[in-house]
Amino acid sequence: MFTVRIQSEDFDPAAESAALTRGRTDVGAVVTFTGLCRAQDAPGGAPLIALTLEHYPGMAEEEIGRLIEEARARWPLLGATVIHRFGRMEPGDNIVLVVTTSAHRGAAFEAAEFLMDWLKTHAPFWKLEERADENSWVPAKDSDDEAADRWG
C-alpha cells in the first residue's frame, strides 16, 4: 500500500504504521519519521508562536506521489505512507509523517531518509513563522539542498 495525504487534520503515527503492516508477514522493517513544529530554531531567538503551512493543492499530492515512485524504483519497498499537514500549527503539533516498509531495515531507512530530504526541497509547501515580534516566510536552506543532492 502506497499512500499520500495532504490534510489539515492531525494524524496518529502509530495507527498509520500499523495500517501498513496489518496482516503482512513479508514486512521485516518499518521506519517512521514524524516532523513536529518546534518552538525555537536558534538559542536566543524569539520563540515561535505558530507555523502556517500553505501548499499548492493537487500539485503537492502529485509531487509527493512522484517521490514515492522514485523511492520504489531505488529500494524494494513493500509500502509507504506520506502525510503532510497544512494550515496553522503550534509548537508540539505534528507536521509530516513518512512511514516506509520493506523486508529489510536498510531499504526502509534509506527510503524514509530519501523521502524526507526530497520533501524538504521539492514538495510545494511554504512556511510562515509567527513570532511575537514579526511574521516571516521561511527561506530555503542550503543544508536541505545539500541533503537532497546526495541522492542524485
C-alpha atoms as a PDB file:
ATOM      1  CA  MET A   1       0.000   0.000   0.000  1.00  0.00           C
ATOM      2  CA  PHE A   2       1.362   3.418  -1.017  1.00  0.00           C
ATOM      3  CA  THR A   3      -0.474   6.465   0.313  1.00  0.00           C
ATOM      4  CA  VAL A   4      -0.159  10.234   0.039  1.00  0.00           C
ATOM      5  CA  ARG A   5      -2.392  12.544   2.063  1.00  0.00           C
ATOM      6  CA  ILE A   6      -2.313  16.317   2.388  1.00  0.00           C
ATOM      7  CA  GLN A   7      -4.616  17.350   5.222  1.00  0.00           C
ATOM      8  CA  SER A   8      -5.266  19.948   7.879  1.00  0.00           C
ATOM      9  CA  GLU A   9      -6.224  17.324  10.491  1.00  0.00           C
ATOM     10  CA  ASP A  10      -3.723  15.746  12.857  1.00  0.00           C
ATOM     11  CA  PHE A  11      -2.594  12.143  12.319  1.00  0.00           C
ATOM     12  CA  ASP A  12      -1.651   9.211  14.543  1.00  0.00           C
ATOM     13  CA  PRO A  13       1.818   7.891  13.612  1.00  0.00           C
ATOM     14  CA  ALA A  14       1.283   4.545  15.389  1.00  0.00           C
ATOM     15  CA  ALA A  15      -2.048   3.928  13.656  1.00  0.00           C
ATOM     16  CA  GLU A  16      -0.580   4.794  10.248  1.00  0.00           C
ATOM     17  CA  SER A  17       2.360   2.453  10.837  1.00  0.00           C
ATOM     18  CA  ALA A  18       0.060  -0.347  11.978  1.00  0.00           C
ATOM     19  CA  ALA A  19      -2.093   0.084   8.866  1.00  0.00           C
ATOM     20  CA  LEU A  20       0.939  -0.639   6.659  1.00  0.00           C
ATOM     21  CA  THR A  21       1.782  -3.886   8.446  1.00  0.00           C
ATOM     22  CA  ARG A  22      -1.653  -5.276   9.360  1.00  0.00           C
ATOM     23  CA  GLY A  23      -1.930  -8.830   8.030  1.00  0.00           C
ATOM     24  CA  ARG A  24       1.510  -8.699   6.413  1.00  0.00           C
ATOM     25  CA  THR A  25       4.118 -11.373   7.082  1.00  0.00           C
ATOM     26  CA  ASP A  26       6.565 -10.194   4.405  1.00  0.00           C
ATOM     27  CA  VAL A  27       7.414  -6.925   6.184  1.00  0.00           C
ATOM     28  CA  GLY A  28      10.645  -7.130   8.172  1.00  0.00           C
ATOM     29  CA  ALA A  29      11.205  -3.424   8.804  1.00  0.00           C
ATOM     30  CA  VAL A  30       9.088  -0.350   9.453  1.00  0.00           C
ATOM     31  CA  VAL A  31      10.703   3.065   9.651  1.00  0.00           C
ATOM     32  CA  THR A  32       8.743   6.108  10.738  1.00  0.00           C
ATOM     33  CA  PHE A  33       9.678   9.752  10.806  1.00  0.00           C
ATOM     34  CA  THR A  34       7.424  12.355  12.353  1.00  0.00           C
ATOM     35  CA  GLY A  35       8.274  16.024  11.902  1.00  0.00           C
ATOM     36  CA  LEU A  36       6.998  18.283  14.667  1.00  0.00           C
ATOM     37  CA  CYS A  37       6.525  22.026  14.979  1.00  0.00           C
ATOM     38  CA  ARG A  38       9.201  23.274  17.370  1.00  0.00           C
ATOM     39  CA  ALA A  39       9.144  26.459  19.437  1.00  0.00           C
ATOM     40  CA  GLN A  40      12.633  27.773  18.757  1.00  0.00           C
ATOM     41  CA  ASP A  41      15.169  27.354  15.977  1.00  0.00           C
ATOM     42  CA  ALA A  42      18.187  29.099  17.469  1.00  0.00           C
ATOM     43  CA  PRO A  43      19.256  29.882  21.020  1.00  0.00           C
ATOM     44  CA  GLY A  44      18.266  33.429  21.951  1.00  0.00           C
ATOM     45  CA  GLY A  45      15.750  33.759  19.118  1.00  0.00           C
ATOM     46  CA  ALA A  46      12.147  34.773  19.668  1.00  0.00           C
ATOM     47  CA  PRO A  47      10.000  31.698  20.354  1.00  0.00           C
ATOM     48  CA  LEU A  48       7.690  30.516  17.613  1.00  0.00           C
ATOM     49  CA  ILE A  49       4.015  31.116  18.363  1.00  0.00           C
ATOM     50  CA  ALA A  50       2.710  29.247  15.329  1.00  0.00           C
ATOM     51  CA  LEU A  51       3.688  27.940  11.915  1.00  0.00           C
ATOM     52  CA  THR A  52       1.293  28.210   8.997  1.00  0.00           C
ATOM     53  CA  LEU A  53       1.904  25.867   6.073  1.00  0.00           C
ATOM     54  CA  GLU A  54       0.444  26.565   2.679  1.00  0.00           C
ATOM     55  CA  HIS A  55       0.585  24.246  -0.308  1.00  0.00           C
ATOM     56  CA  TYR A  56      -0.327  24.044  -3.947  1.00  0.00           C
ATOM     57  CA  PRO A  57      -3.376  21.683  -3.952  1.00  0.00           C
ATOM     58  CA  GLY A  58      -3.148  18.894  -6.484  1.00  0.00           C
ATOM     59  CA  MET A  59       0.481  19.634  -7.285  1.00  0.00           C
ATOM     60  CA  ALA A  60       1.602  18.717  -3.753  1.00  0.00           C
ATOM     61  CA  GLU A  61      -0.057  15.291  -3.923  1.00  0.00           C
ATOM     62  CA  GLU A  62       1.289  14.704  -7.429  1.00  0.00           C
ATOM     63  CA  GLU A  63       4.852  15.641  -6.488  1.00  0.00           C
ATOM     64  CA  ILE A  64       4.862  13.505  -3.337  1.00  0.00           C
ATOM     65  CA  GLY A  65       3.421  10.591  -5.333  1.00  0.00           C
ATOM     66  CA  ARG A  66       6.245  11.016  -7.832  1.00  0.00           C
ATOM     67  CA  LEU A  67       8.776  10.973  -4.964  1.00  0.00           C
ATOM     68  CA  ILE A  68       7.288   7.718  -3.657  1.00  0.00           C
ATOM     69  CA  GLU A  69       7.570   6.196  -7.140  1.00  0.00           C
ATOM     70  CA  GLU A  70      11.221   7.268  -7.259  1.00  0.00           C
ATOM     71  CA  ALA A  71      11.805   5.635  -3.855  1.00  0.00           C
ATOM     72  CA  ARG A  72      10.106   2.446  -5.087  1.00  0.00           C
ATOM     73  CA  ALA A  73      12.436   2.376  -8.091  1.00  0.00           C
ATOM     74  CA  ARG A  74      15.502   2.696  -5.837  1.00  0.00           C
ATOM     75  CA  TRP A  75      14.550   0.366  -2.944  1.00  0.00           C
ATOM     76  CA  PRO A  76      12.421  -2.780  -2.562  1.00  0.00           C
ATOM     77  CA  LEU A  77       9.626  -1.102  -0.622  1.00  0.00           C
ATOM     78  CA  LEU A  78       6.540  -3.026   0.410  1.00  0.00           C
ATOM     79  CA  GLY A  79       4.622   0.089   1.422  1.00  0.00           C
ATOM     80  CA  ALA A  80       4.916   3.780   2.186  1.00  0.00           C
ATOM     81  CA  THR A  81       2.743   6.482   3.666  1.00  0.00           C
ATOM     82  CA  VAL A  82       3.435  10.197   3.465  1.00  0.00           C
ATOM     83  CA  ILE A  83       1.121  12.595   5.267  1.00  0.00           C
ATOM     84  CA  HIS A  84       1.780  16.325   5.221  1.00  0.00           C
ATOM     85  CA  ARG A  85      -0.382  18.798   7.074  1.00  0.00           C
ATOM     86  CA  PHE A  86      -1.286  22.324   6.058  1.00  0.00           C
ATOM     87  CA  GLY A  87      -2.780  25.205   7.994  1.00  0.00           C
ATOM     88  CA  ARG A  88      -1.813  26.747  11.320  1.00  0.00           C
ATOM     89  CA  MET A  89       0.161  24.629  13.778  1.00  0.00           C
ATOM     90  CA  GLU A  90       1.578  25.373  17.191  1.00  0.00           C
ATOM     91  CA  PRO A  91       4.759  24.037  18.811  1.00  0.00           C
ATOM     92  CA  GLY A  92       4.411  20.341  19.558  1.00  0.00           C
ATOM     93  CA  ASP A  93       1.938  19.669  16.718  1.00  0.00           C
ATOM     94  CA  ASN A  94       2.639  17.020  14.078  1.00  0.00           C
ATOM     95  CA  ILE A  95       3.545  18.391  10.645  1.00  0.00           C
ATOM     96  CA  VAL A  96       4.714  15.497   8.477  1.00  0.00           C
ATOM     97  CA  LEU A  97       4.819  11.704   8.643  1.00  0.00           C
ATOM     98  CA  VAL A  98       6.864   9.344   6.500  1.00  0.00           C
ATOM     99  CA  VAL A  99       6.455   5.586   7.012  1.00  0.00           C
ATOM    100  CA  THR A 100       8.303   3.038   4.875  1.00  0.00           C
ATOM    101  CA  THR A 101       8.179  -0.744   4.966  1.00  0.00           C
ATOM    102  CA  SER A 102      10.488  -3.297   3.429  1.00  0.00           C
ATOM    103  CA  ALA A 103      11.712  -6.812   4.033  1.00  0.00           C
ATOM    104  CA  HIS A 104      14.971  -5.386   5.393  1.00  0.00           C
ATOM    105  CA  ARG A 105      15.851  -2.355   7.531  1.00  0.00           C
ATOM    106  CA  GLY A 106      18.444  -0.800   5.213  1.00  0.00           C
ATOM    107  CA  ALA A 107      15.957  -0.207   2.412  1.00  0.00           C
ATOM    108  CA  ALA A 108      13.302   1.111   4.796  1.00  0.00           C
ATOM    109  CA  PHE A 109      15.731   3.552   6.481  1.00  0.00           C
ATOM    110  CA  GLU A 110      17.243   4.819   3.232  1.00  0.00           C
ATOM    111  CA  ALA A 111      13.879   5.266   1.531  1.00  0.00           C
ATOM    112  CA  ALA A 112      12.468   7.192   4.509  1.00  0.00           C
ATOM    113  CA  GLU A 113      15.511   9.469   4.575  1.00  0.00           C
ATOM    114  CA  PHE A 114      15.327  10.000   0.804  1.00  0.00           C
ATOM    115  CA  LEU A 115      11.640  10.903   1.013  1.00  0.00           C
ATOM    116  CA  MET A 116      12.178  13.417   3.832  1.00  0.00           C
ATOM    117  CA  ASP A 117      15.188  15.023   2.126  1.00  0.00           C
ATOM    118  CA  TRP A 118      13.222  15.449  -1.098  1.00  0.00           C
ATOM    119  CA  LEU A 119      10.040  16.604   0.661  1.00  0.00           C
ATOM    120  CA  LYS A 120      12.008  19.449   2.249  1.00  0.00           C
ATOM    121  CA  THR A 121      13.274  20.670  -1.124  1.00  0.00           C
ATOM    122  CA  HIS A 122      10.782  19.592  -3.811  1.00  0.00           C
ATOM    123  CA  ALA A 123       7.274  19.464  -2.370  1.00  0.00           C
ATOM    124  CA  PRO A 124       5.335  22.695  -2.978  1.00  0.00           C
ATOM    125  CA  PHE A 125       4.843  23.876   0.620  1.00  0.00           C
ATOM    126  CA  TRP A 126       5.528  27.300   2.109  1.00  0.00           C
ATOM    127  CA  LYS A 127       6.008  28.079   5.796  1.00  0.00           C
ATOM    128  CA  LEU A 128       5.049  31.295   7.559  1.00  0.00           C
ATOM    129  CA  GLU A 129       6.511  31.692  11.042  1.00  0.00           C
ATOM    130  CA  GLU A 130       4.539  33.711  13.566  1.00  0.00           C
ATOM    131  CA  ARG A 131       6.612  35.234  16.344  1.00  0.00           C
ATOM    132  CA  ALA A 132       5.838  37.956  18.897  1.00  0.00           C
ATOM    133  CA  ASP A 133       7.998  40.477  17.045  1.00  0.00           C
ATOM    134  CA  GLU A 134       7.211  39.579  13.402  1.00  0.00           C
ATOM    135  CA  ASN A 135       5.816  37.127  10.878  1.00  0.00           C
ATOM    136  CA  SER A 136       8.140  35.897   8.129  1.00  0.00           C
ATOM    137  CA  TRP A 137       8.242  33.343   5.348  1.00  0.00           C
ATOM    138  CA  VAL A 138      10.879  30.649   5.863  1.00  0.00           C
ATOM    139  CA  PRO A 139      13.549  30.701   3.124  1.00  0.00           C
ATOM    140  CA  ALA A 140      15.016  27.553   1.620  1.00  0.00           C
ATOM    141  CA  LYS A 141      18.064  26.237   3.497  1.00  0.00           C
ATOM    142  CA  ASP A 142      21.331  25.296   1.841  1.00  0.00           C
ATOM    143  CA  SER A 143      21.608  22.353   4.257  1.00  0.00           C
ATOM    144  CA  ASP A 144      18.308  20.930   2.960  1.00  0.00           C
ATOM    145  CA  ASP A 145      19.505  21.255  -0.647  1.00  0.00           C
ATOM    146  CA  GLU A 146      22.796  19.547   0.251  1.00  0.00           C
ATOM    147  CA  ALA A 147      20.941  16.666   1.903  1.00  0.00           C
ATOM    148  CA  ALA A 148      18.751  16.161  -1.185  1.00  0.00           C
ATOM    149  CA  ASP A 149      21.721  16.468  -3.564  1.00  0.00           C
ATOM    150  CA  ARG A 150      23.363  13.365  -2.149  1.00  0.00           C
ATOM    151  CA  TRP A 151      20.583  11.246  -3.694  1.00  0.00           C
ATOM    152  CA  GLY A 152      21.491  12.428  -7.202  1.00  0.00           C
END
